[in-house]
């Protein structure tokens, strides 16, 4: 198919739009000149339709009824009476059908035609907007409307957005047109991706999202990979919202504990083994751990002792299975004997020794005191009612410990998700929980997050993933990019391109002109549709501090928003 063949249907539609627009607007202009009394009611009709968002079908019905009323009042009409007045010096008023009484009655009759005139005008403008020149005009207005929001030091018009928004919504701030920007709480049901460079305003956005969630009855859990000022903001949010606040932080004396050995034996095994990466060559050691840990945990529980990392490591030490056999009920004897027999092989001995060292790395690391402190955080309790839970992971001071402990937290959240799914399947009403990962890169892109994102939506556990750049792992990257809400602060060039693609494109007319190098520009050219970014990558690279491009997929809303701080 030639280019000319491709452009023929486009040109045909454009001619149709241009003809229809010209006809509708010409008729509307004639009606306005012939029946000027319809103009005020037409303006009132358009204003009312816009305020009430009246459907097109109802507007059409109103226009038909108004035209019908005009037919009834036709005998009293004095068409084009203002223009007849111009001839009063030439011909007597009586012969022109003019009198004060006649004009008044005509005005009343003309007023009934207002809705029809309003609809005719709207149809003409709508068709004109579909023409090439109309689209160019719309695009120009759109760009000029956005431009101020992109300038350094931009201050939006309107009052500060200090409230969380209306019930059922979250207020982020003020858009580039100066209007308050809210989006529905249901929009976050399929998670939120919050990328942005350091100092671009992610913390303010996190607090705004958390504030809106708490105002809508959510519990909020924040996993902070920086363990920075977000802790104080979270505490103030809980105080302002009069909801419970739970803090887990290795450097805070008021911190609650965190028991890494909660759950049934298989939960404990999955949690502890999942905290460590295993290469494909070391997969056999992973299988050894998954076989031994459930048996060890069941035996410790049956012996009446608490399950701790120390008790598990003791069982994995030399002679530990035999010692545990003496403490546990007799039915555990055969299984512990089998583990003891396996431990005599060089391979198994190496695997159990490596597992013990790995568990000791958690129990003796940065979070040792938090792990042993009681009372400990209860995920089931904090997620059952509105509240704020903050977990600080000081990556700068202890990056390796943070990676291990953070993966344990993600695994705990996965198990909480599974329990909530089972409860929902039984008809139990669960309280929604918003989970926030700030600086997710501190967990070295833990693969567990992918499973959490895939399952948490049905468990009413929407998740916010905030980090400086998009994940490198292809599967995690694909999962976060499909989030229901994107809140993009300033990012680097590579991420800007990927995010702009997610924000979408649209067809716009591209005008070209031919140039004669001797005489200059000539009156020939072409028009063809091209794909244009709805938000250009350069916009994402140049956002000012506190600005973000927001895209809510379900409502298809896109805007550049100045995020407003909560009044904390």
Protein backbone atom coordinates (compact mmCIF):
# COMPACT_ATOMS: atom_id res chain seq x y z
CA UNK A 1 0.00 0.00 0.00
CA UNK A 2 1.42 3.36 -1.01
CA UNK A 3 1.65 6.38 1.23
CA UNK A 4 -1.05 8.04 -0.86
CA UNK A 5 -3.37 5.06 -0.26
CA UNK A 6 -2.68 5.26 3.48
CA UNK A 7 -3.46 8.97 3.58
CA UNK A 8 -6.65 8.83 1.48
CA UNK A 9 -9.00 7.69 4.31
CA UNK A 10 -7.38 10.22 6.67
CA UNK A 11 -7.93 13.01 4.17
CA UNK A 12 -11.54 11.90 3.61
CA UNK A 13 -12.32 12.02 7.32
CA UNK A 14 -10.66 15.42 7.66
CA UNK A 15 -12.80 16.80 4.82
CA UNK A 16 -15.91 15.38 6.47
CA UNK A 17 -15.02 16.92 9.83
CA UNK A 18 -14.24 20.30 8.27
CA UNK A 19 -17.50 20.33 6.25
CA UNK A 20 -19.61 19.28 9.24
CA UNK A 21 -17.97 21.84 11.52
CA UNK A 22 -18.48 24.63 9.00
CA UNK A 23 -22.12 23.71 8.43
CA UNK A 24 -22.98 23.37 12.15
CA UNK A 25 -21.28 26.63 13.13
CA UNK A 26 -22.80 28.49 10.18
CA UNK A 27 -26.31 27.35 11.13
CA UNK A 28 -25.61 28.27 14.76
CA UNK A 29 -24.47 31.73 13.67
CA UNK A 30 -27.59 32.21 11.54
CA UNK A 31 -29.84 31.16 14.45
CA UNK A 32 -28.05 33.56 16.79
CA UNK A 33 -28.54 36.42 14.34
CA UNK A 34 -32.16 35.55 13.56
CA UNK A 35 -33.18 34.77 17.17
CA UNK A 36 -30.85 36.72 19.50
CA UNK A 37 -33.05 35.89 22.47
CA UNK A 38 -31.74 32.30 22.27
CA UNK A 39 -28.14 33.35 22.97
CA UNK A 40 -28.47 33.94 26.77
CA UNK A 41 -30.32 30.64 27.30
CA UNK A 42 -27.78 28.86 25.09
CA UNK A 43 -24.94 30.13 27.29
CA UNK A 44 -26.85 29.11 30.41
CA UNK A 45 -27.50 25.64 28.95
CA UNK A 46 -23.83 25.06 28.16
CA UNK A 47 -22.81 26.15 31.65
CA UNK A 48 -25.41 23.89 33.27
CA UNK A 49 -24.42 20.91 31.13
CA UNK A 50 -20.77 21.37 32.00
CA UNK A 51 -21.38 21.71 35.74
CA UNK A 52 -23.73 18.72 35.91
CA UNK A 53 -21.80 16.67 33.31
CA UNK A 54 -25.05 16.02 31.45
CA UNK A 55 -24.85 13.03 29.06
CA UNK A 56 -24.97 13.76 25.34
CA UNK A 57 -28.22 11.84 24.88
CA UNK A 58 -29.96 14.04 27.46
CA UNK A 59 -28.58 17.18 25.84
CA UNK A 60 -29.93 16.05 22.47
CA UNK A 61 -33.35 15.33 23.97
CA UNK A 62 -33.43 18.76 25.60
CA UNK A 63 -32.50 20.40 22.30
CA UNK A 64 -35.29 18.57 20.44
CA UNK A 65 -37.86 19.59 23.07
CA UNK A 66 -36.70 23.22 22.91
CA UNK A 67 -36.99 23.25 19.12
CA UNK A 68 -40.50 21.80 19.44
CA UNK A 69 -41.51 24.55 21.85
CA UNK A 70 -40.28 27.11 19.33
CA UNK A 71 -42.63 25.68 16.71
CA UNK A 72 -45.54 26.21 19.10
CA UNK A 73 -44.44 29.82 19.74
CA UNK A 74 -43.70 30.53 16.06
CA UNK A 75 -46.66 32.94 15.56
CA UNK A 76 -45.20 35.48 17.97
CA UNK A 77 -41.64 35.39 16.60
CA UNK A 78 -40.18 38.50 15.01
CA UNK A 79 -37.16 37.09 13.19
CA UNK A 80 -34.01 39.21 13.09
CA UNK A 81 -35.70 42.04 14.93
CA UNK A 82 -32.43 43.86 15.79
CA UNK A 83 -31.63 44.11 12.09
CA UNK A 84 -35.15 45.30 11.30
CA UNK A 85 -34.59 48.16 13.72
CA UNK A 86 -31.91 49.42 11.39
CA UNK A 87 -34.59 49.99 8.74
CA UNK A 88 -36.94 52.02 10.95
CA UNK A 89 -35.65 55.24 9.42
CA UNK A 90 -36.50 53.96 5.97
CA UNK A 91 -39.80 52.20 6.59
CA UNK A 92 -42.40 52.63 9.35
CA UNK A 93 -42.02 50.33 12.37
CA UNK A 94 -45.51 48.99 11.86
CA UNK A 95 -44.67 47.75 8.37
CA UNK A 96 -41.59 46.00 9.80
CA UNK A 97 -43.71 44.26 12.46
CA UNK A 98 -41.87 45.98 15.27
CA UNK A 99 -43.29 47.20 18.55
CA UNK A 100 -42.15 46.96 22.12
CA UNK A 101 -44.81 44.37 22.88
CA UNK A 102 -43.92 42.31 19.78
CA UNK A 103 -40.21 42.30 20.60
CA UNK A 104 -40.83 41.24 24.23
CA UNK A 105 -43.05 38.35 23.15
CA UNK A 106 -40.51 37.35 20.51
CA UNK A 107 -37.68 37.32 23.07
CA UNK A 108 -39.67 34.95 25.28
CA UNK A 109 -40.28 32.61 22.34
CA UNK A 110 -36.65 32.78 21.16
CA UNK A 111 -35.41 31.84 24.63
CA UNK A 112 -36.89 28.36 24.22
CA UNK A 113 -34.42 27.71 21.37
CA UNK A 114 -31.38 28.13 23.67
CA UNK A 115 -30.61 24.42 24.29
CA UNK A 116 -30.82 23.66 20.56
CA UNK A 117 -28.43 26.52 19.76
CA UNK A 118 -26.05 25.32 22.53
CA UNK A 119 -26.01 21.75 21.19
CA UNK A 120 -25.48 22.94 17.61
CA UNK A 121 -22.51 25.04 18.73
CA UNK A 122 -20.99 22.14 20.73
CA UNK A 123 -21.30 19.78 17.77
CA UNK A 124 -19.59 22.32 15.50
CA UNK A 125 -16.73 22.89 17.96
CA UNK A 126 -16.34 19.14 18.52
CA UNK A 127 -16.05 18.48 14.79
CA UNK A 128 -13.64 21.38 14.33
CA UNK A 129 -11.42 19.98 17.09
CA UNK A 130 -11.12 16.78 15.04
CA UNK A 131 -9.73 18.58 12.04
CA UNK A 132 -5.97 18.92 11.52
CA UNK A 133 -5.91 22.60 12.42
CA UNK A 134 -8.19 21.96 15.37
CA UNK A 135 -5.86 19.27 16.72
CA UNK A 136 -2.87 21.52 16.31
CA UNK A 137 -4.70 24.22 18.25
CA UNK A 138 -5.65 21.78 21.04
CA UNK A 139 -2.08 20.50 21.31
CA UNK A 140 -0.73 24.05 21.46
CA UNK A 141 -3.13 24.94 24.26
CA UNK A 142 -2.20 21.76 26.12
CA UNK A 143 1.52 22.50 25.90
CA UNK A 144 1.04 26.12 26.96
CA UNK A 145 -1.02 24.94 29.93
CA UNK A 146 1.72 22.55 31.03
CA UNK A 147 4.62 24.90 30.43
CA UNK A 148 4.38 26.94 33.67
CA UNK A 149 4.48 23.77 35.77
CA UNK A 150 7.85 22.87 34.29
CA UNK A 151 9.57 26.14 35.14
CA UNK A 152 11.89 26.29 38.17
CA UNK A 153 10.25 27.90 41.15
CA UNK A 154 6.74 27.30 39.82
CA UNK A 155 4.08 28.12 42.40
CA UNK A 156 0.64 26.67 41.59
CA UNK A 157 -2.46 28.76 41.98
CA UNK A 158 -5.08 27.80 44.57
CA UNK A 159 -5.02 27.03 48.27
CA UNK A 160 -2.76 24.41 49.86
CA UNK A 161 -3.96 20.81 49.74
CA UNK A 162 -3.62 19.97 53.39
CA UNK A 163 -6.40 17.43 53.69
CA UNK A 164 -6.21 13.79 52.65
CA UNK A 165 -9.03 14.40 50.17
CA UNK A 166 -12.66 13.39 50.04
CA UNK A 167 -13.77 10.05 51.45
CA UNK A 168 -12.66 7.28 49.11
CA UNK A 169 -9.87 9.37 47.59
CA UNK A 170 -6.28 10.46 48.19
CA UNK A 171 -5.25 14.05 47.60
CA UNK A 172 -1.74 14.41 46.22
CA UNK A 173 -1.53 18.14 45.63
CA UNK A 174 -2.19 20.67 42.88
CA UNK A 175 -1.92 20.03 39.15
CA UNK A 176 -0.42 22.27 36.47
CA UNK A 177 -3.75 24.02 35.94
CA UNK A 178 -3.93 25.04 39.62
CA UNK A 179 -6.69 22.55 40.51
CA UNK A 180 -6.60 20.15 43.47
CA UNK A 181 -5.58 16.68 42.28
CA UNK A 182 -7.26 13.68 43.90
CA UNK A 183 -7.37 10.08 42.77
CA UNK A 184 -9.60 7.28 43.99
CA UNK A 185 -8.32 5.05 46.81
CA UNK A 186 -9.29 2.11 44.60
CA UNK A 187 -6.62 3.20 42.08
CA UNK A 188 -3.85 2.02 44.41
CA UNK A 189 -5.37 -1.47 44.60
CA UNK A 190 -2.89 -2.71 41.99
CA UNK A 191 0.13 -1.09 43.64
CA UNK A 192 2.07 2.15 43.19
CA UNK A 193 5.45 2.68 41.55
CA UNK A 194 7.28 5.73 42.91
CA UNK A 195 10.64 6.31 41.16
CA UNK A 196 12.72 9.40 41.70
CA UNK A 197 16.26 10.63 42.22
CA UNK A 198 17.60 11.54 45.64
CA UNK A 199 16.09 14.82 46.82
CA UNK A 200 13.31 14.83 44.24
CA UNK A 201 10.51 14.63 46.83
CA UNK A 202 9.73 10.90 47.24
CA UNK A 203 9.47 11.11 51.05
CA UNK A 204 6.81 13.83 50.85
CA UNK A 205 4.84 11.71 48.39
CA UNK A 206 5.10 8.62 50.60
CA UNK A 207 3.73 10.56 53.57
CA UNK A 208 0.91 11.94 51.39
CA UNK A 209 -0.04 8.43 50.20
CA UNK A 210 0.16 7.03 53.74
CA UNK A 211 -1.93 9.90 55.10
CA UNK A 212 -4.64 9.33 52.51
CA UNK A 213 -4.63 5.59 53.16
CA UNK A 214 -4.99 5.99 56.93
CA UNK A 215 -7.81 8.51 56.41
CA UNK A 216 -9.60 5.81 54.41
CA UNK A 217 -9.30 3.15 57.12
CA UNK A 218 -6.08 1.48 55.98
CA UNK A 219 -3.25 0.21 58.12
CA UNK A 220 0.15 1.34 56.78
CA UNK A 221 3.47 -0.51 57.03
CA UNK A 222 6.61 1.34 55.92
CA UNK A 223 9.85 -0.56 55.26
CA UNK A 224 12.49 2.17 55.03
CA UNK A 225 15.79 1.18 53.41
CA UNK A 226 17.39 4.44 54.57
CA UNK A 227 16.11 4.48 58.15
CA UNK A 228 16.06 8.26 57.87
CA UNK A 229 13.62 11.10 58.59
CA UNK A 230 10.66 9.05 57.37
CA UNK A 231 10.53 7.50 60.87
CA UNK A 232 9.63 10.85 62.43
CA UNK A 233 7.08 11.58 59.71
CA UNK A 234 5.46 8.19 60.28
CA UNK A 235 5.21 8.80 64.01
CA UNK A 236 3.65 12.24 63.48
CA UNK A 237 1.16 10.75 61.02
CA UNK A 238 0.06 8.19 63.63
CA UNK A 239 -0.28 10.89 66.30
CA UNK A 240 -2.25 13.20 64.03
CA UNK A 241 -4.54 10.37 62.93
CA UNK A 242 -4.83 9.02 66.52
CA UNK A 243 -3.93 5.47 65.45
CA UNK A 244 -1.38 3.06 67.01
CA UNK A 245 2.28 3.40 66.03
CA UNK A 246 4.78 0.51 66.09
CA UNK A 247 8.49 1.11 65.52
CA UNK A 248 11.13 -1.49 64.65
CA UNK A 249 14.62 0.02 64.43
CA UNK A 250 17.95 -1.52 65.58
CA UNK A 251 19.24 1.83 66.89
CA UNK A 252 16.12 2.98 68.75
CA UNK A 253 15.75 2.01 72.42
CA UNK A 254 11.96 2.17 72.10
CA UNK A 255 11.92 -0.32 69.24
CA UNK A 256 9.68 -3.36 69.33
CA UNK A 257 11.23 -6.76 68.67
CA UNK A 258 11.05 -8.78 65.47
CA UNK A 259 10.80 -12.56 65.79
CA UNK A 260 12.18 -14.14 62.62
CA UNK A 261 11.02 -17.63 63.67
CA UNK A 262 7.26 -17.10 63.75
CA UNK A 263 4.83 -19.27 61.82
CA UNK A 264 4.49 -22.98 61.26
CA UNK A 265 7.61 -25.10 60.54
CA UNK A 266 7.33 -24.76 56.77
CA UNK A 267 6.90 -20.97 57.12
CA UNK A 268 10.05 -20.73 59.21
CA UNK A 269 11.98 -22.84 56.72
CA UNK A 270 10.86 -20.80 53.72
CA UNK A 271 11.57 -17.55 55.53
CA UNK A 272 15.10 -18.40 56.67
CA UNK A 273 16.19 -20.14 53.49
CA UNK A 274 14.66 -17.38 51.35
CA UNK A 275 16.78 -14.78 53.13
CA UNK A 276 19.88 -16.07 51.33
CA UNK A 277 20.65 -16.33 47.62
CA UNK A 278 21.68 -19.75 46.31
CA UNK A 279 23.50 -20.26 43.03
CA UNK A 280 22.38 -23.06 40.70
CA UNK A 281 25.46 -25.08 41.75
CA UNK A 282 24.48 -24.71 45.42
CA UNK A 283 20.84 -25.74 44.91
CA UNK A 284 21.54 -29.07 46.67
CA UNK A 285 22.36 -27.17 49.87
CA UNK A 286 19.08 -25.30 49.57
CA UNK A 287 17.19 -28.59 49.34
CA UNK A 288 19.05 -29.89 52.41
CA UNK A 289 18.01 -26.84 54.37
CA UNK A 290 14.36 -27.14 53.27
CA UNK A 291 14.39 -30.80 54.37
CA UNK A 292 16.07 -30.29 57.75
CA UNK A 293 14.58 -27.04 59.05
CA UNK A 294 10.90 -28.14 59.26
CA UNK A 295 11.92 -31.25 61.22
CA UNK A 296 14.10 -29.21 63.57
CA UNK A 297 11.39 -26.59 64.17
CA UNK A 298 8.70 -29.23 64.85
CA UNK A 299 10.97 -31.06 67.30
CA UNK A 300 11.84 -27.83 69.18
CA UNK A 301 8.15 -26.88 69.37
CA UNK A 302 7.26 -30.36 70.64
CA UNK A 303 9.97 -30.16 73.29
CA UNK A 304 8.25 -27.08 74.75
CA UNK A 305 11.12 -24.70 74.07
CA UNK A 306 10.82 -21.49 72.04
CA UNK A 307 11.97 -21.63 68.44
CA UNK A 308 14.88 -19.21 68.02
CA UNK A 309 17.82 -18.86 65.71
CA UNK A 310 20.06 -20.02 68.58
CA UNK A 311 18.04 -23.21 69.14
CA UNK A 312 18.04 -23.97 65.40
CA UNK A 313 21.81 -23.36 65.15
CA UNK A 314 22.38 -25.60 68.17
CA UNK A 315 20.52 -28.43 66.42
CA UNK A 316 22.64 -27.94 63.29
CA UNK A 317 25.93 -28.12 65.22
CA UNK A 318 27.93 -31.31 65.71
CA UNK A 319 25.87 -33.76 67.81
CA UNK A 320 22.94 -31.34 67.78
CA UNK A 321 20.44 -33.79 66.28
CA UNK A 322 21.17 -36.31 69.02
CA UNK A 323 20.77 -33.66 71.72
CA UNK A 324 17.46 -32.50 70.24
CA UNK A 325 16.29 -36.14 70.07
CA UNK A 326 16.64 -36.43 73.86
CA UNK A 327 14.49 -33.30 74.39
CA UNK A 328 11.77 -34.04 71.82
CA UNK A 329 8.96 -36.64 72.10
CA UNK A 330 9.86 -40.18 70.91
CA UNK A 331 7.99 -39.89 67.60
CA UNK A 332 10.66 -37.44 66.37
CA UNK A 333 13.43 -39.97 66.96
CA UNK A 334 13.45 -41.65 63.53
CA UNK A 335 13.47 -38.40 61.59
CA UNK A 336 16.23 -36.89 63.74
CA UNK A 337 18.21 -40.12 63.39
CA UNK A 338 17.95 -39.82 59.62
CA UNK A 339 19.26 -36.26 59.76
CA UNK A 340 22.08 -37.39 62.06
CA UNK A 341 22.98 -40.19 59.63
CA UNK A 342 22.93 -37.75 56.67
CA UNK A 343 25.18 -35.36 58.58
CA UNK A 344 28.00 -37.93 58.52
CA UNK A 345 28.45 -37.42 54.79
CA UNK A 346 30.87 -34.73 53.72
CA UNK A 347 28.27 -33.06 51.49
CA UNK A 348 25.57 -32.86 54.18
CA UNK A 349 28.04 -31.79 56.83
CA UNK A 350 29.17 -28.96 54.57
CA UNK A 351 25.54 -27.96 53.87
CA UNK A 352 24.49 -27.92 57.54
CA UNK A 353 27.64 -26.04 58.54
CA UNK A 354 27.01 -23.44 55.84
CA UNK A 355 23.38 -23.05 56.92
CA UNK A 356 24.42 -22.60 60.55
CA UNK A 357 26.91 -19.91 59.61
CA UNK A 358 24.29 -18.12 57.56
CA UNK A 359 21.76 -18.14 60.40
CA UNK A 360 24.45 -16.92 62.79
CA UNK A 361 25.05 -14.02 60.41
CA UNK A 362 21.48 -12.88 61.12
CA UNK A 363 21.46 -13.59 64.85
CA UNK A 364 24.82 -11.90 65.51
CA UNK A 365 24.46 -9.00 63.06
CA UNK A 366 23.05 -5.49 63.24
CA UNK A 367 19.55 -6.74 64.13
CA UNK A 368 20.61 -9.16 66.87
CA UNK A 369 19.04 -7.13 69.69
CA UNK A 370 15.83 -6.52 67.74
CA UNK A 371 15.51 -10.25 66.96
CA UNK A 372 15.75 -11.18 70.63
CA UNK A 373 13.67 -8.32 72.03
CA UNK A 374 10.12 -8.93 73.28
CA UNK A 375 7.32 -8.07 72.74
CA UNK A 376 7.82 -8.56 69.05
CA UNK A 377 5.92 -7.13 66.09
CA UNK A 378 2.81 -9.17 65.29
CA UNK A 379 1.92 -8.76 61.61
CA UNK A 380 -1.52 -10.26 62.12
CA UNK A 381 -2.34 -7.72 64.83
CA UNK A 382 -0.99 -4.52 63.19
CA UNK A 383 -2.72 -5.35 59.90
CA UNK A 384 -6.12 -5.98 61.48
CA UNK A 385 -6.90 -2.32 62.27
CA UNK A 386 -5.84 1.18 61.13
CA UNK A 387 -2.37 2.09 62.32
CA UNK A 388 1.17 2.94 61.25
CA UNK A 389 4.07 0.47 61.44
CA UNK A 390 7.59 1.61 60.63
CA UNK A 391 10.59 -0.69 60.07
CA UNK A 392 13.95 1.07 59.74
CA UNK A 393 16.75 -0.66 57.83
CA UNK A 394 19.99 1.39 58.12
CA UNK A 395 21.54 0.39 54.79
CA UNK A 396 24.47 2.80 54.99
CA UNK A 397 25.68 1.34 58.30
CA UNK A 398 24.99 -2.34 57.65
CA UNK A 399 24.19 -3.10 54.02
CA UNK A 400 24.69 -6.87 54.21
CA UNK A 401 22.62 -7.25 57.40
CA UNK A 402 19.87 -5.09 55.91
CA UNK A 403 19.69 -7.29 52.81
CA UNK A 404 19.20 -10.44 54.91
CA UNK A 405 16.77 -8.93 57.40
CA UNK A 406 14.84 -7.15 54.66
CA UNK A 407 14.29 -10.41 52.80
CA UNK A 408 12.94 -11.97 55.99
CA UNK A 409 10.46 -9.08 56.23
CA UNK A 410 9.34 -9.57 52.62
CA UNK A 411 8.90 -13.29 53.25
CA UNK A 412 6.81 -12.52 56.36
CA UNK A 413 4.62 -10.22 54.27
CA UNK A 414 4.18 -12.98 51.68
CA UNK A 415 3.03 -15.35 54.39
CA UNK A 416 0.69 -12.68 55.79
CA UNK A 417 -0.66 -12.30 52.25
CA UNK A 418 -1.30 -16.05 52.02
CA UNK A 419 -3.16 -16.07 55.36
CA UNK A 420 -5.32 -13.14 54.28
CA UNK A 421 -6.16 -14.85 51.00
CA UNK A 422 -7.34 -17.93 52.90
CA UNK A 423 -9.41 -15.75 55.23
CA UNK A 424 -11.02 -13.86 52.33
CA UNK A 425 -11.84 -17.17 50.61
CA UNK A 426 -13.75 -18.16 53.77
CA UNK A 427 -15.75 -14.91 53.72
CA UNK A 428 -13.79 -13.17 56.50
CA UNK A 429 -13.59 -9.38 56.20
CA UNK A 430 -9.97 -8.19 56.41
CA UNK A 431 -8.72 -4.66 56.95
CA UNK A 432 -6.77 -3.21 53.98
CA UNK A 433 -3.03 -2.77 54.48
CA UNK A 434 -0.79 -0.41 52.47
CA UNK A 435 2.80 -1.67 52.35
CA UNK A 436 5.50 0.88 51.46
CA UNK A 437 9.06 -0.06 50.47
CA UNK A 438 11.23 3.05 50.49
CA UNK A 439 14.59 2.56 48.74
CA UNK A 440 13.74 -0.98 47.67
CA UNK A 441 17.23 -1.24 46.15
CA UNK A 442 18.55 -1.71 49.71
CA UNK A 443 17.22 -5.28 49.52
CA UNK A 444 19.33 -5.91 46.38
CA UNK A 445 16.09 -6.39 44.42
CA UNK A 446 14.87 -9.30 46.53
CA UNK A 447 13.01 -11.67 44.17
CA UNK A 448 10.35 -12.26 46.83
CA UNK A 449 8.86 -8.86 46.01
CA UNK A 450 7.73 -10.18 42.63
CA UNK A 451 5.54 -12.85 44.25
CA UNK A 452 4.20 -10.30 46.72
CA UNK A 453 3.18 -7.92 43.93
CA UNK A 454 1.43 -10.71 42.04
CA UNK A 455 -0.63 -11.92 45.01
CA UNK A 456 -1.11 -8.92 47.28
CA UNK A 457 -3.88 -7.27 45.23
CA UNK A 458 -6.38 -10.03 46.03
CA UNK A 459 -5.29 -9.93 49.68
CA UNK A 460 -6.07 -6.17 49.95
CA UNK A 461 -2.37 -5.42 50.46
CA UNK A 462 -1.50 -2.74 47.86
CA UNK A 463 2.23 -2.07 47.75
CA UNK A 464 4.22 1.10 47.09
CA UNK A 465 7.71 0.51 45.62
CA UNK A 466 9.84 3.66 45.91
CA UNK A 467 13.43 3.80 44.69
CA UNK A 468 15.90 5.97 42.84
CA UNK A 469 15.88 3.95 39.63
CA UNK A 470 13.90 1.15 38.03
CA UNK A 471 14.82 -2.44 39.00
CA UNK A 472 17.41 -4.14 36.81
CA UNK A 473 15.92 -7.61 37.21
CA UNK A 474 13.64 -8.00 34.15
CA UNK A 475 10.85 -9.82 36.01
CA UNK A 476 10.77 -7.38 38.93
CA UNK A 477 11.00 -4.45 36.50
CA UNK A 478 8.02 -5.74 34.50
CA UNK A 479 6.01 -6.29 37.70
CA UNK A 480 6.52 -2.78 39.10
CA UNK A 481 5.95 -1.07 35.74
CA UNK A 482 2.47 -2.61 35.61
CA UNK A 483 1.46 -0.90 38.87
CA UNK A 484 -1.97 0.71 38.91
CA UNK A 485 -0.54 4.14 39.77
CA UNK A 486 2.75 5.68 38.62
CA UNK A 487 4.05 8.67 40.55
CA UNK A 488 7.25 9.67 38.78
CA UNK A 489 9.60 12.27 40.23
CA UNK A 490 12.77 13.36 38.44
CA UNK A 491 14.62 10.34 36.99
CA UNK A 492 17.64 9.63 34.80
CA UNK A 493 17.54 9.46 31.01
CA UNK A 494 17.27 5.67 30.69
CA UNK A 495 14.42 5.37 33.17
CA UNK A 496 12.70 8.43 31.69
CA UNK A 497 12.40 6.64 28.37
CA UNK A 498 10.90 3.50 29.93
CA UNK A 499 8.46 5.46 32.08
CA UNK A 500 7.38 7.68 29.17
CA UNK A 501 6.47 4.54 27.26
CA UNK A 502 4.31 3.38 30.18
CA UNK A 503 2.64 6.78 30.37
CA UNK A 504 1.47 6.22 26.80
CA UNK A 505 1.42 7.88 23.40
CA UNK A 506 -1.25 9.46 21.24
CA UNK A 507 -1.80 10.11 17.55
CA UNK A 508 -1.20 13.71 16.54
CA UNK A 509 -1.05 15.38 13.12
CA UNK A 510 2.45 16.05 11.84
CA UNK A 511 2.65 18.93 9.34
CA UNK A 512 5.47 19.23 6.86
CA UNK A 513 6.21 21.85 4.24
CA UNK A 514 8.30 21.67 1.11
CA UNK A 515 11.25 24.01 0.70
CA UNK A 516 12.68 25.33 -2.53
CA UNK A 517 16.31 26.21 -1.87
CA UNK A 518 16.16 28.97 -4.45
CA UNK A 519 12.90 30.66 -3.53
CA UNK A 520 12.38 29.43 0.05
CA UNK A 521 9.25 27.78 1.48
CA UNK A 522 6.51 26.86 -0.98
CA UNK A 523 2.78 26.31 -0.53
CA UNK A 524 3.02 22.52 -0.52
CA UNK A 525 3.33 20.05 2.29
CA UNK A 526 1.91 16.93 3.87
CA UNK A 527 -0.06 15.83 6.91
CA UNK A 528 0.40 12.45 8.51
CA UNK A 529 -0.48 10.98 11.92
CA UNK A 530 2.45 10.22 14.24
CA UNK A 531 2.77 8.83 17.76
CA UNK A 532 3.68 11.45 20.34
CA UNK A 533 4.56 10.88 24.01
CA UNK A 534 1.78 12.03 26.30
CA UNK A 535 4.57 12.94 28.72
CA UNK A 536 7.92 13.40 26.98
CA UNK A 537 11.01 11.79 28.58
CA UNK A 538 12.63 15.23 28.82
CA UNK A 539 9.80 16.30 31.11
CA UNK A 540 10.57 13.42 33.47
CA UNK A 541 14.26 14.35 33.45
CA UNK A 542 13.64 18.03 34.25
CA UNK A 543 10.92 17.95 36.93
CA UNK A 544 11.47 20.36 39.79
CA UNK A 545 11.78 19.17 43.38
CA UNK A 546 8.33 18.24 44.66
CA UNK A 547 6.83 17.79 41.20
CA UNK A 548 5.70 14.41 39.89
CA UNK A 549 4.00 13.03 36.82
CA UNK A 550 1.02 11.01 38.04
CA UNK A 551 -0.73 8.35 35.97
CA UNK A 552 -3.71 6.40 37.33
CA UNK A 553 -4.31 3.54 34.88
CA UNK A 554 -7.94 2.75 35.68
CA UNK A 555 -9.16 6.32 35.40
CA UNK A 556 -6.64 7.13 32.61
CA UNK A 557 -5.68 10.34 34.41
CA UNK A 558 -2.30 11.95 33.72
CA UNK A 559 -1.09 15.18 35.27
CA UNK A 560 1.99 17.01 36.47
CA UNK A 561 1.32 17.51 40.16
CA UNK A 562 3.00 19.65 42.79
CA UNK A 563 2.94 17.29 45.79
CA UNK A 564 1.81 19.09 48.94
CA UNK A 565 3.16 18.28 52.38
CA UNK A 566 0.79 17.12 55.08
CA UNK A 567 0.18 19.54 57.94
CA UNK A 568 2.13 17.37 60.37
